[in-house]
Each structure stands twice: as C-alpha cells, then as structure tokens.
C-alpha atoms as a PDB file:
ATOM      1  CA  UNK A   1       0.000   0.000   0.000  1.00  0.00           C
ATOM      2  CA  UNK A   2       1.114   3.555  -0.720  1.00  0.00           C
ATOM      3  CA  UNK A   3       2.083   5.653   2.246  1.00  0.00           C
ATOM      4  CA  UNK A   4       0.375   9.057   2.312  1.00  0.00           C
ATOM      5  CA  UNK A   5       2.597  11.756   3.776  1.00  0.00           C
ATOM      6  CA  UNK A   6       0.986  14.740   5.425  1.00  0.00           C
ATOM      7  CA  UNK A   7       2.785  18.087   5.720  1.00  0.00           C
ATOM      8  CA  UNK A   8       4.391  18.627   9.090  1.00  0.00           C
ATOM      9  CA  UNK A   9       4.868  22.394   8.811  1.00  0.00           C
ATOM     10  CA  UNK A  10       2.658  25.283   7.772  1.00  0.00           C
ATOM     11  CA  UNK A  11       5.103  26.158   5.002  1.00  0.00           C
ATOM     12  CA  UNK A  12       4.778  22.695   3.444  1.00  0.00           C
ATOM     13  CA  UNK A  13       0.988  22.867   3.758  1.00  0.00           C
ATOM     14  CA  UNK A  14       0.920  26.232   1.946  1.00  0.00           C
ATOM     15  CA  UNK A  15       3.170  24.859  -0.799  1.00  0.00           C
ATOM     16  CA  UNK A  16       0.861  21.878  -1.373  1.00  0.00           C
ATOM     17  CA  UNK A  17      -2.192  24.138  -1.366  1.00  0.00           C
ATOM     18  CA  UNK A  18      -0.553  26.366  -3.976  1.00  0.00           C
ATOM     19  CA  UNK A  19       0.000  23.364  -6.271  1.00  0.00           C
ATOM     20  CA  UNK A  20      -3.522  21.993  -5.799  1.00  0.00           C
ATOM     21  CA  UNK A  21      -6.038  22.321  -8.691  1.00  0.00           C
ATOM     22  CA  UNK A  22      -7.886  25.664  -8.864  1.00  0.00           C
ATOM     23  CA  UNK A  23     -10.704  27.191 -10.883  1.00  0.00           C
ATOM     24  CA  UNK A  24      -8.232  29.788 -12.182  1.00  0.00           C
ATOM     25  CA  UNK A  25      -4.843  28.127 -12.559  1.00  0.00           C
ATOM     26  CA  UNK A  26      -1.485  29.819 -12.096  1.00  0.00           C
ATOM     27  CA  UNK A  27       0.721  30.740 -15.045  1.00  0.00           C
ATOM     28  CA  UNK A  28       2.626  27.849 -16.649  1.00  0.00           C
ATOM     29  CA  UNK A  29       6.302  27.481 -15.767  1.00  0.00           C
ATOM     30  CA  UNK A  30       8.929  26.059 -18.120  1.00  0.00           C
ATOM     31  CA  UNK A  31      11.572  23.481 -17.198  1.00  0.00           C
ATOM     32  CA  UNK A  32      14.831  23.742 -19.198  1.00  0.00           C
ATOM     33  CA  UNK A  33      17.086  20.664 -19.201  1.00  0.00           C
ATOM     34  CA  UNK A  34      20.346  19.472 -20.808  1.00  0.00           C
ATOM     35  CA  UNK A  35      20.852  16.025 -22.307  1.00  0.00           C
ATOM     36  CA  UNK A  36      23.869  13.741 -22.161  1.00  0.00           C
ATOM     37  CA  UNK A  37      25.724  15.831 -24.730  1.00  0.00           C
ATOM     38  CA  UNK A  38      25.056  19.388 -25.868  1.00  0.00           C
ATOM     39  CA  UNK A  39      26.785  21.637 -28.383  1.00  0.00           C
ATOM     40  CA  UNK A  40      27.749  25.285 -28.017  1.00  0.00           C
ATOM     41  CA  UNK A  41      24.857  26.298 -30.284  1.00  0.00           C
ATOM     42  CA  UNK A  42      22.386  24.331 -28.196  1.00  0.00           C
ATOM     43  CA  UNK A  43      23.687  25.804 -24.942  1.00  0.00           C
ATOM     44  CA  UNK A  44      23.139  29.280 -26.389  1.00  0.00           C
ATOM     45  CA  UNK A  45      19.600  28.355 -27.475  1.00  0.00           C
ATOM     46  CA  UNK A  46      18.665  27.096 -24.008  1.00  0.00           C
ATOM     47  CA  UNK A  47      20.135  30.232 -22.430  1.00  0.00           C
ATOM     48  CA  UNK A  48      18.233  32.473 -24.854  1.00  0.00           C
ATOM     49  CA  UNK A  49      14.931  30.701 -24.110  1.00  0.00           C
ATOM     50  CA  UNK A  50      15.614  31.029 -20.384  1.00  0.00           C
ATOM     51  CA  UNK A  51      16.097  34.806 -20.782  1.00  0.00           C
ATOM     52  CA  UNK A  52      12.870  35.089 -22.791  1.00  0.00           C
ATOM     53  CA  UNK A  53      11.021  33.149 -20.067  1.00  0.00           C
ATOM     54  CA  UNK A  54      12.734  34.820 -17.114  1.00  0.00           C
ATOM     55  CA  UNK A  55      10.464  34.781 -14.093  1.00  0.00           C
ATOM     56  CA  UNK A  56       8.503  31.736 -15.339  1.00  0.00           C
ATOM     57  CA  UNK A  57      11.307  29.252 -15.997  1.00  0.00           C
ATOM     58  CA  UNK A  58      13.530  26.845 -14.072  1.00  0.00           C
ATOM     59  CA  UNK A  59      16.874  25.920 -15.649  1.00  0.00           C
ATOM     60  CA  UNK A  60      18.956  22.861 -14.668  1.00  0.00           C
ATOM     61  CA  UNK A  61      22.565  22.837 -15.874  1.00  0.00           C
ATOM     62  CA  UNK A  62      23.378  19.250 -14.894  1.00  0.00           C
ATOM     63  CA  UNK A  63      23.539  16.685 -17.718  1.00  0.00           C
ATOM     64  CA  UNK A  64      20.791  14.052 -17.686  1.00  0.00           C
ATOM     65  CA  UNK A  65      21.673  10.691 -19.228  1.00  0.00           C
ATOM     66  CA  UNK A  66      18.396   8.966 -18.407  1.00  0.00           C
ATOM     67  CA  UNK A  67      16.007  11.444 -20.091  1.00  0.00           C
ATOM     68  CA  UNK A  68      14.792  10.286 -23.531  1.00  0.00           C
ATOM     69  CA  UNK A  69      11.306  11.781 -24.033  1.00  0.00           C
ATOM     70  CA  UNK A  70      10.350   9.783 -27.153  1.00  0.00           C
ATOM     71  CA  UNK A  71      11.382   6.404 -25.709  1.00  0.00           C
ATOM     72  CA  UNK A  72       9.270   4.284 -23.390  1.00  0.00           C
ATOM     73  CA  UNK A  73      10.462   4.742 -19.822  1.00  0.00           C
ATOM     74  CA  UNK A  74      12.745   7.612 -20.787  1.00  0.00           C
ATOM     75  CA  UNK A  75      10.376  10.244 -19.449  1.00  0.00           C
ATOM     76  CA  UNK A  76      10.416   9.102 -15.793  1.00  0.00           C
ATOM     77  CA  UNK A  77      13.150  11.492 -14.684  1.00  0.00           C
ATOM     78  CA  UNK A  78      11.588  14.288 -16.701  1.00  0.00           C
ATOM     79  CA  UNK A  79       8.258  13.827 -14.915  1.00  0.00           C
ATOM     80  CA  UNK A  80      10.059  13.712 -11.551  1.00  0.00           C
ATOM     81  CA  UNK A  81      11.780  17.064 -12.225  1.00  0.00           C
ATOM     82  CA  UNK A  82       8.466  18.489 -13.406  1.00  0.00           C
ATOM     83  CA  UNK A  83       6.770  17.489 -10.154  1.00  0.00           C
ATOM     84  CA  UNK A  84       9.690  18.781  -8.110  1.00  0.00           C
ATOM     85  CA  UNK A  85       9.747  22.217  -9.774  1.00  0.00           C
ATOM     86  CA  UNK A  86       5.974  22.432 -10.463  1.00  0.00           C
ATOM     87  CA  UNK A  87       6.437  22.985 -14.223  1.00  0.00           C
ATOM     88  CA  UNK A  88       3.945  22.099 -16.964  1.00  0.00           C
ATOM     89  CA  UNK A  89       6.171  22.932 -19.975  1.00  0.00           C
ATOM     90  CA  UNK A  90       9.674  21.736 -20.754  1.00  0.00           C
ATOM     91  CA  UNK A  91      12.523  22.351 -23.209  1.00  0.00           C
ATOM     92  CA  UNK A  92      15.108  19.565 -23.525  1.00  0.00           C
ATOM     93  CA  UNK A  93      18.324  19.956 -25.520  1.00  0.00           C
ATOM     94  CA  UNK A  94      20.575  17.164 -26.784  1.00  0.00           C
ATOM     95  CA  UNK A  95      23.225  16.769 -29.481  1.00  0.00           C
ATOM     96  CA  UNK A  96      24.238  13.677 -31.427  1.00  0.00           C
ATOM     97  CA  UNK A  97      25.588  12.729 -34.842  1.00  0.00           C
ATOM     98  CA  UNK A  98      22.183  11.483 -35.973  1.00  0.00           C
ATOM     99  CA  UNK A  99      20.261  14.499 -34.591  1.00  0.00           C
ATOM    100  CA  UNK A 100      22.573  17.518 -34.203  1.00  0.00           C
ATOM    101  CA  UNK A 101      21.406  20.538 -32.184  1.00  0.00           C
ATOM    102  CA  UNK A 102      18.229  18.728 -31.213  1.00  0.00           C
ATOM    103  CA  UNK A 103      15.547  20.539 -29.216  1.00  0.00           C
ATOM    104  CA  UNK A 104      12.483  18.812 -27.739  1.00  0.00           C
ATOM    105  CA  UNK A 105       9.542  21.032 -26.772  1.00  0.00           C
ATOM    106  CA  UNK A 106       6.724  19.471 -24.812  1.00  0.00           C
ATOM    107  CA  UNK A 107       3.791  19.915 -22.477  1.00  0.00           C
ATOM    108  CA  UNK A 108       2.823  17.951 -19.394  1.00  0.00           C
ATOM    109  CA  UNK A 109      -0.554  17.147 -17.898  1.00  0.00           C
ATOM    110  CA  UNK A 110      -0.723  16.186 -14.232  1.00  0.00           C
ATOM    111  CA  UNK A 111       3.109  15.992 -14.377  1.00  0.00           C
ATOM    112  CA  UNK A 112       2.992  13.352 -17.125  1.00  0.00           C
ATOM    113  CA  UNK A 113       4.127  13.871 -20.721  1.00  0.00           C
ATOM    114  CA  UNK A 114       1.204  15.157 -22.796  1.00  0.00           C
ATOM    115  CA  UNK A 115       2.714  15.823 -26.238  1.00  0.00           C
ATOM    116  CA  UNK A 116       6.142  16.311 -27.851  1.00  0.00           C
ATOM    117  CA  UNK A 117       7.677  18.232 -30.766  1.00  0.00           C
ATOM    118  CA  UNK A 118      11.288  17.661 -31.822  1.00  0.00           C
ATOM    119  CA  UNK A 119      13.053  20.314 -33.880  1.00  0.00           C
ATOM    120  CA  UNK A 120      16.580  20.930 -35.111  1.00  0.00           C
ATOM    121  CA  UNK A 121      18.114  24.376 -34.580  1.00  0.00           C
ATOM    122  CA  UNK A 122      19.924  26.099 -37.465  1.00  0.00           C
ATOM    123  CA  UNK A 123      21.230  29.611 -38.231  1.00  0.00           C
ATOM    124  CA  UNK A 124      21.138  30.859 -34.668  1.00  0.00           C
ATOM    125  CA  UNK A 125      21.640  34.590 -34.045  1.00  0.00           C
ATOM    126  CA  UNK A 126      21.704  35.353 -30.289  1.00  0.00           C
ATOM    127  CA  UNK A 127      20.489  38.555 -28.660  1.00  0.00           C
ATOM    128  CA  UNK A 128      24.037  39.863 -28.296  1.00  0.00           C
ATOM    129  CA  UNK A 129      24.500  40.064 -32.083  1.00  0.00           C
ATOM    130  CA  UNK A 130      21.700  42.651 -32.532  1.00  0.00           C
ATOM    131  CA  UNK A 131      22.316  46.393 -32.139  1.00  0.00           C
ATOM    132  CA  UNK A 132      19.345  48.412 -30.852  1.00  0.00           C
ATOM    133  CA  UNK A 133      18.368  50.983 -28.257  1.00  0.00           C
ATOM    134  CA  UNK A 134      18.343  49.196 -24.908  1.00  0.00           C
ATOM    135  CA  UNK A 135      15.316  51.238 -23.851  1.00  0.00           C
ATOM    136  CA  UNK A 136      13.294  49.063 -26.248  1.00  0.00           C
ATOM    137  CA  UNK A 137      14.195  45.864 -24.405  1.00  0.00           C
ATOM    138  CA  UNK A 138      10.967  44.077 -23.355  1.00  0.00           C
ATOM    139  CA  UNK A 139      10.168  44.119 -19.673  1.00  0.00           C
ATOM    140  CA  UNK A 140       9.765  41.023 -17.538  1.00  0.00           C
ATOM    141  CA  UNK A 141       6.142  39.895 -17.385  1.00  0.00           C
ATOM    142  CA  UNK A 142       5.001  41.801 -20.485  1.00  0.00           C
ATOM    143  CA  UNK A 143       2.573  40.190 -22.925  1.00  0.00           C
ATOM    144  CA  UNK A 144       3.677  39.348 -26.500  1.00  0.00           C
ATOM    145  CA  UNK A 145       2.004  39.432 -29.890  1.00  0.00           C
ATOM    146  CA  UNK A 146       2.293  36.381 -32.166  1.00  0.00           C
ATOM    147  CA  UNK A 147       2.455  36.385 -35.959  1.00  0.00           C
ATOM    148  CA  UNK A 148       2.279  33.044 -37.776  1.00  0.00           C
ATOM    149  CA  UNK A 149       2.960  33.615 -41.472  1.00  0.00           C
ATOM    150  CA  UNK A 150       2.344  30.873 -44.005  1.00  0.00           C
ATOM    151  CA  UNK A 151      -0.365  28.417 -45.009  1.00  0.00           C
ATOM    152  CA  UNK A 152       1.579  25.532 -43.487  1.00  0.00           C
ATOM    153  CA  UNK A 153       0.385  26.455 -39.996  1.00  0.00           C
ATOM    154  CA  UNK A 154      -3.175  25.626 -41.120  1.00  0.00           C
ATOM    155  CA  UNK A 155      -2.586  22.659 -43.457  1.00  0.00           C
ATOM    156  CA  UNK A 156       0.512  20.754 -42.260  1.00  0.00           C
ATOM    157  CA  UNK A 157      -0.055  18.649 -39.139  1.00  0.00           C
ATOM    158  CA  UNK A 158       3.512  19.057 -37.813  1.00  0.00           C
ATOM    159  CA  UNK A 159       3.435  22.855 -38.125  1.00  0.00           C
ATOM    160  CA  UNK A 160      -0.019  23.063 -36.551  1.00  0.00           C
ATOM    161  CA  UNK A 161       1.286  21.114 -33.576  1.00  0.00           C
ATOM    162  CA  UNK A 162       4.413  23.273 -33.363  1.00  0.00           C
ATOM    163  CA  UNK A 163       2.224  26.398 -33.400  1.00  0.00           C
ATOM    164  CA  UNK A 164       0.210  25.180 -30.394  1.00  0.00           C
ATOM    165  CA  UNK A 165       3.346  24.355 -28.405  1.00  0.00           C
ATOM    166  CA  UNK A 166       5.039  27.693 -29.197  1.00  0.00           C
ATOM    167  CA  UNK A 167       1.904  29.591 -28.147  1.00  0.00           C
ATOM    168  CA  UNK A 168       1.805  27.757 -24.826  1.00  0.00           C
ATOM    169  CA  UNK A 169       5.543  28.222 -24.327  1.00  0.00           C
ATOM    170  CA  UNK A 170       5.819  31.998 -24.828  1.00  0.00           C
ATOM    171  CA  UNK A 171       2.376  33.519 -24.181  1.00  0.00           C
ATOM    172  CA  UNK A 172       2.769  33.872 -20.396  1.00  0.00           C
ATOM    173  CA  UNK A 173      -0.208  34.199 -18.074  1.00  0.00           C
ATOM    174  CA  UNK A 174      -3.740  34.411 -19.459  1.00  0.00           C
ATOM    175  CA  UNK A 175      -5.349  37.808 -18.786  1.00  0.00           C
ATOM    176  CA  UNK A 176      -8.738  39.308 -19.647  1.00  0.00           C
ATOM    177  CA  UNK A 177      -7.847  43.016 -19.883  1.00  0.00           C
ATOM    178  CA  UNK A 178      -4.640  44.334 -21.392  1.00  0.00           C
ATOM    179  CA  UNK A 179      -2.953  47.728 -21.424  1.00  0.00           C
ATOM    180  CA  UNK A 180      -1.355  48.671 -24.732  1.00  0.00           C
ATOM    181  CA  UNK A 181       1.785  49.832 -22.926  1.00  0.00           C
ATOM    182  CA  UNK A 182       2.193  46.301 -21.522  1.00  0.00           C
ATOM    183  CA  UNK A 183       2.505  44.765 -25.013  1.00  0.00           C
ATOM    184  CA  UNK A 184       6.080  45.490 -26.049  1.00  0.00           C
ATOM    185  CA  UNK A 185       7.236  42.442 -28.010  1.00  0.00           C
ATOM    186  CA  UNK A 186       6.320  40.267 -30.987  1.00  0.00           C
ATOM    187  CA  UNK A 187       7.207  36.695 -31.922  1.00  0.00           C
ATOM    188  CA  UNK A 188       7.249  36.122 -35.684  1.00  0.00           C
ATOM    189  CA  UNK A 189       7.086  32.553 -37.013  1.00  0.00           C
ATOM    190  CA  UNK A 190       7.360  32.161 -40.798  1.00  0.00           C
ATOM    191  CA  UNK A 191       6.772  28.804 -42.489  1.00  0.00           C
ATOM    192  CA  UNK A 192       9.545  28.631 -45.090  1.00  0.00           C
ATOM    193  CA  UNK A 193       8.646  25.070 -46.092  1.00  0.00           C
ATOM    194  CA  UNK A 194       6.544  22.196 -44.778  1.00  0.00           C
ATOM    195  CA  UNK A 195       9.249  21.317 -42.232  1.00  0.00           C
ATOM    196  CA  UNK A 196      11.149  24.589 -41.627  1.00  0.00           C
ATOM    197  CA  UNK A 197      10.021  27.577 -39.563  1.00  0.00           C
ATOM    198  CA  UNK A 198      11.933  30.848 -39.179  1.00  0.00           C
ATOM    199  CA  UNK A 199      11.555  32.131 -35.621  1.00  0.00           C
ATOM    200  CA  UNK A 200      12.503  35.665 -34.554  1.00  0.00           C
ATOM    201  CA  UNK A 201      11.834  38.040 -31.664  1.00  0.00           C
ATOM    202  CA  UNK A 202      11.072  41.748 -32.182  1.00  0.00           C
ATOM    203  CA  UNK A 203      10.427  44.742 -29.939  1.00  0.00           C
ATOM    204  CA  UNK A 204       7.563  47.171 -30.569  1.00  0.00           C
ATOM    205  CA  UNK A 205       8.326  50.862 -30.910  1.00  0.00           C
ATOM    206  CA  UNK A 206       5.306  53.173 -30.439  1.00  0.00           C
ATOM    207  CA  UNK A 207       5.268  56.360 -32.532  1.00  0.00           C
ATOM    208  CA  UNK A 208       2.854  59.208 -33.048  1.00  0.00           C
ATOM    209  CA  UNK A 209       0.114  58.644 -35.605  1.00  0.00           C
ATOM    210  CA  UNK A 210      -2.126  61.684 -35.127  1.00  0.00           C
ATOM    211  CA  UNK A 211      -4.808  59.519 -33.479  1.00  0.00           C
ATOM    212  CA  UNK A 212      -5.348  57.934 -30.084  1.00  0.00           C
ATOM    213  CA  UNK A 213      -3.862  54.657 -31.386  1.00  0.00           C
ATOM    214  CA  UNK A 214      -0.076  54.909 -31.874  1.00  0.00           C
ATOM    215  CA  UNK A 215       1.788  53.629 -34.914  1.00  0.00           C
ATOM    216  CA  UNK A 216       3.925  50.569 -34.274  1.00  0.00           C
ATOM    217  CA  UNK A 217       7.333  49.734 -35.693  1.00  0.00           C
ATOM    218  CA  UNK A 218       9.224  46.452 -35.340  1.00  0.00           C
ATOM    219  CA  UNK A 219      12.828  46.339 -34.165  1.00  0.00           C
ATOM    220  CA  UNK A 220      14.505  42.922 -34.289  1.00  0.00           C
ATOM    221  CA  UNK A 221      16.237  42.239 -30.981  1.00  0.00           C
ATOM    222  CA  UNK A 222      16.791  38.470 -31.208  1.00  0.00           C
ATOM    223  CA  UNK A 223      17.186  35.683 -30.876  1.00  0.00           C
ATOM    224  CA  UNK A 224      16.417  34.394 -34.361  1.00  0.00           C
ATOM    225  CA  UNK A 225      16.795  30.819 -35.598  1.00  0.00           C
ATOM    226  CA  UNK A 226      15.384  28.170 -37.930  1.00  0.00           C
ATOM    227  CA  UNK A 227      13.352  25.279 -36.528  1.00  0.00           C
ATOM    228  CA  UNK A 228      13.435  22.104 -38.639  1.00  0.00           C
ATOM    229  CA  UNK A 229      10.643  19.776 -37.492  1.00  0.00           C
ATOM    230  CA  UNK A 230      11.870  16.188 -37.088  1.00  0.00           C
ATOM    231  CA  UNK A 231       9.453  14.184 -34.925  1.00  0.00           C
ATOM    232  CA  UNK A 232       6.278  14.935 -33.048  1.00  0.00           C
ATOM    233  CA  UNK A 233       3.859  12.971 -30.882  1.00  0.00           C
ATOM    234  CA  UNK A 234       0.248  14.001 -30.358  1.00  0.00           C
ATOM    235  CA  UNK A 235      -1.724  13.038 -27.230  1.00  0.00           C
ATOM    236  CA  UNK A 236      -4.252  10.244 -27.533  1.00  0.00           C
ATOM    237  CA  UNK A 237      -7.930  11.157 -27.671  1.00  0.00           C
ATOM    238  CA  UNK A 238      -8.826  10.006 -24.146  1.00  0.00           C
ATOM    239  CA  UNK A 239      -5.965  11.965 -22.569  1.00  0.00           C
ATOM    240  CA  UNK A 240      -6.775  15.043 -24.643  1.00  0.00           C
ATOM    241  CA  UNK A 241     -10.431  14.876 -23.615  1.00  0.00           C
ATOM    242  CA  UNK A 242      -9.475  14.619 -19.946  1.00  0.00           C
ATOM    243  CA  UNK A 243      -6.967  17.484 -20.176  1.00  0.00           C
ATOM    244  CA  UNK A 244      -9.454  19.772 -21.929  1.00  0.00           C
ATOM    245  CA  UNK A 245     -12.051  19.498 -19.177  1.00  0.00           C
ATOM    246  CA  UNK A 246     -12.940  22.777 -17.514  1.00  0.00           C
ATOM    247  CA  UNK A 247     -14.291  23.068 -13.998  1.00  0.00           C
ATOM    248  CA  UNK A 248     -17.789  24.483 -13.776  1.00  0.00           C
ATOM    249  CA  UNK A 249     -17.973  27.859 -12.117  1.00  0.00           C
ATOM    250  CA  UNK A 250     -19.153  27.825  -8.516  1.00  0.00           C
ATOM    251  CA  UNK A 251     -22.825  28.736  -8.317  1.00  0.00           C
ATOM    252  CA  UNK A 252     -23.623  31.837  -6.328  1.00  0.00           C
ATOM    253  CA  UNK A 253     -25.197  31.275  -2.933  1.00  0.00           C
ATOM    254  CA  UNK A 254     -28.935  31.877  -3.136  1.00  0.00           C
ATOM    255  CA  UNK A 255     -30.135  34.727  -0.940  1.00  0.00           C
ATOM    256  CA  UNK A 256     -33.532  34.275   0.692  1.00  0.00           C
ATOM    257  CA  UNK A 257     -36.421  36.633  -0.141  1.00  0.00           C
ATOM    258  CA  UNK A 258     -34.450  38.340  -2.944  1.00  0.00           C
ATOM    259  CA  UNK A 259     -35.483  38.217  -6.590  1.00  0.00           C
ATOM    260  CA  UNK A 260     -34.679  40.120  -9.783  1.00  0.00           C
ATOM    261  CA  UNK A 261     -37.052  41.809 -12.158  1.00  0.00           C
ATOM    262  CA  UNK A 262     -36.345  43.066 -15.676  1.00  0.00           C
ATOM    263  CA  UNK A 263     -37.870  46.474 -14.988  1.00  0.00           C
ATOM    264  CA  UNK A 264     -37.378  47.060 -11.263  1.00  0.00           C
ATOM    265  CA  UNK A 265     -34.067  45.205 -10.924  1.00  0.00           C
ATOM    266  CA  UNK A 266     -33.311  43.715  -7.523  1.00  0.00           C
ATOM    267  CA  UNK A 267     -36.396  43.214  -5.344  1.00  0.00           C
ATOM    268  CA  UNK A 268     -36.279  42.182  -1.690  1.00  0.00           C
ATOM    269  CA  UNK A 269     -38.928  41.273   0.875  1.00  0.00           C
ATOM    270  CA  UNK A 270     -38.572  42.306   4.487  1.00  0.00           C
ATOM    271  CA  UNK A 271     -40.644  40.641   7.207  1.00  0.00           C
ATOM    272  CA  UNK A 272     -41.292  42.752  10.325  1.00  0.00           C
ATOM    273  CA  UNK A 273     -42.755  41.320  13.539  1.00  0.00           C
ATOM    274  CA  UNK A 274     -45.906  42.807  15.056  1.00  0.00           C
ATOM    275  CA  UNK A 275     -45.062  45.928  17.047  1.00  0.00           C
ATOM    276  CA  UNK A 276     -47.092  46.679  20.197  1.00  0.00           C
ATOM    277  CA  UNK A 277     -47.156  50.446  19.771  1.00  0.00           C
ATOM    278  CA  UNK A 278     -49.952  51.019  22.302  1.00  0.00           C
ATOM    279  CA  UNK A 279     -47.957  49.544  25.142  1.00  0.00           C
ATOM    280  CA  UNK A 280     -44.789  51.533  24.474  1.00  0.00           C
ATOM    281  CA  UNK A 281     -43.783  54.093  27.126  1.00  0.00           C
ATOM    282  CA  UNK A 282     -43.244  57.603  25.787  1.00  0.00           C
ATOM    283  CA  UNK A 283     -40.807  59.968  27.470  1.00  0.00           C
ATOM    284  CA  UNK A 284     -41.141  63.736  27.777  1.00  0.00           C
ATOM    285  CA  UNK A 285     -37.984  64.334  25.739  1.00  0.00           C
ATOM    286  CA  UNK A 286     -39.699  63.812  22.406  1.00  0.00           C
ATOM    287  CA  UNK A 287     -38.871  66.433  19.799  1.00  0.00           C
ATOM    288  CA  UNK A 288     -42.453  66.565  18.597  1.00  0.00           C
ATOM    289  CA  UNK A 289     -43.710  67.498  22.048  1.00  0.00           C
ATOM    290  CA  UNK A 290     -41.003  70.125  22.421  1.00  0.00           C
ATOM    291  CA  UNK A 291     -42.073  71.656  19.126  1.00  0.00           C
ATOM    292  CA  UNK A 292     -45.736  71.776  20.234  1.00  0.00           C
ATOM    293  CA  UNK A 293     -44.778  73.444  23.491  1.00  0.00           C
ATOM    294  CA  UNK A 294     -42.618  75.982  21.647  1.00  0.00           C
ATOM    295  CA  UNK A 295     -45.421  76.805  19.208  1.00  0.00           C
ATOM    296  CA  UNK A 296     -47.970  77.124  22.085  1.00  0.00           C
ATOM    297  CA  UNK A 297     -45.608  79.436  23.962  1.00  0.00           C
ATOM    298  CA  UNK A 298     -45.163  81.600  20.859  1.00  0.00           C
ATOM    299  CA  UNK A 299     -48.973  81.824  20.414  1.00  0.00           C
ATOM    300  CA  UNK A 300     -49.484  82.811  24.075  1.00  0.00           C
ATOM    301  CA  UNK A 301     -46.804  85.495  23.794  1.00  0.00           C
ATOM    302  CA  UNK A 302     -48.447  86.831  20.634  1.00  0.00           C
ATOM    303  CA  UNK A 303     -51.834  87.003  22.384  1.00  0.00           C
ATOM    304  CA  UNK A 304     -50.330  88.852  25.345  1.00  0.00           C
ATOM    305  CA  UNK A 305     -48.705  91.402  23.013  1.00  0.00           C
ATOM    306  CA  UNK A 306     -52.023  92.007  21.279  1.00  0.00           C
ATOM    307  CA  UNK A 307     -53.780  92.484  24.620  1.00  0.00           C
ATOM    308  CA  UNK A 308     -51.184  95.053  25.777  1.00  0.00           C
ATOM    309  CA  UNK A 309     -51.498  96.932  22.488  1.00  0.00           C
ATOM    310  CA  UNK A 310     -55.307  97.194  22.927  1.00  0.00           C
ATOM    311  CA  UNK A 311     -54.913  98.595  26.440  1.00  0.00           C
ATOM    312  CA  UNK A 312     -52.505 101.250  25.248  1.00  0.00           C
ATOM    313  CA  UNK A 313     -54.839 102.213  22.391  1.00  0.00           C
ATOM    314  CA  UNK A 314     -57.814 102.527  24.722  1.00  0.00           C
END
C-alpha cells in the first residue's frame, strides 16, 4: 500500500495548497534541461529561451543521461523534475551525430508527458548580435504578440502542432484586460517550407500617428533561428479529452427573499414582527412634544402682546 505523507509544517501545507487544482490556474512554468551531450549552439539556445522566459522558468545545468522523451520509460526522470519544480512545460536539448542541435519542446498534464515536438536548430543569431536601443528591451512579465505567417500552420499537421506548443511556451499568463503599454514584443514565425520555420523576436516601438492609437514599428532584438521539425507525438484522444475538461464555475449562494425583475431590478422582501405600539412608554424628551410646546408658547406670547397693544390704544 502507498504511504500518504501529510505536511508537518505550515510552510509545506501552503506549498501543497498552492499546487492543488484551482478554478483559475497559475501561469505555466517552463523546465529547461540538458541532455547527455550538448553543443555550443544548443547551450546558447537554451540560455536564450531562459532569458525570454525569465520569471517563469527553471533551468537545470546538470547533464541528464536517463532522459529520452520519445522512448518508453525515458520520461520518468523528466516527470520527476516536473513534479519537483511544479512545471507544466519543458525544453530539452541534446546533441548527437544522428540528430545535431536537437531541441524537444513538450507539455505535461498532471506531471505526465502530454505531447512532444522535436526540432533541429539552425542559423542561430543570439540577442548579443543585434544592435538596438536598450530602452526598447521588453520588460519582464510583459505580454507578447504572435504572428504566424504561411499556409503551413493551417494545413501541415507538424506545423499546426508546433504552433500550439510555441503559443503555450511563450504567451505567459492568461489575462482578460490588457494595457497597450504592456505589449512590447512580438514573436514572428514564418513557415519557409513544410518542415522549416523561421523564428525571430522583435520589440515594438510606439510612434505618433495623429490619433489615439499609436503607430507601431518592429525592431529585431533576437534571438532568431530556424526550426526544422523532425518528430512529433500528439496526445491520444482520451488523454486530450481529460486534459481539456474545464471546472464548472461555482454557483452563487442563493439569498432568501431576494429576486430580480427586468424592470425594477433587484427586489427584496422584508418581514417585520408585530409591534405593540400602544404599550410603548413615551418619554417627555420627544422632539415633537417640544415643538408643540414651543409653538404654544409663541402663540401665548403673541396674544399677550395684542392684549397690551389694545390697552394702550384705549
């Protein structure tokens, strides 16, 4: 039988509560790992992705011999690291003679491998090779635009899958309202062929346009590279159906004696107990009585003045 461990400290209990399922989930974190052997180009790619995902990424520099995502049993260590770091996306780099500069992008569901896309990296240009005004550098936590250019992203199965994974990898947290000043970057993916995608990163420069909406200009800030799709693995239908389930919103607690009308809006009923007014004791400090006394006193004084005036006239 499995032994169930309970948290012994409040800190551990808060950490488990933070990882528990919620109606509105936290932003997805990315796990970046190295394989048994990596090249200089691949090390630069993993570093560049880590900088693009700074704040929502965990990077391990140790080499992992036992991780082989496409092989049966080769994803055990990957799932363990995912559970340990609470990450639902991963980027795994490896280099071999058969698959040079190999990059595996994938998603996890319940800390188990959900789907995989394997690409080869070519023509890398890191951020350091681009000259631009550093004031245009995107800020941490900003939201990006995405531009997918080419019919292959709608017709080719491999490119459609790569598009979904790239969107999940770089979009950040899901928000409902967005300030235009918070959108300062753009990811451009161009389908050169049915297996090759040109990927680049640009900053947005806002300029005057004579209207309330500014004119935007693109400034390439890197990195840029070519992704050559090699292998991909889609999730099976049952797993996809389970992962796509959404929790129903919690129903609002019904309030008694309150209803809503189209015309009058919110209508409420108030029930008052019987009040025994006749048996209530009245004090002499009632404002109404004071007012009556004041008015009677003013009338008496007016009558006395009239009487004095008559005597003087007579």
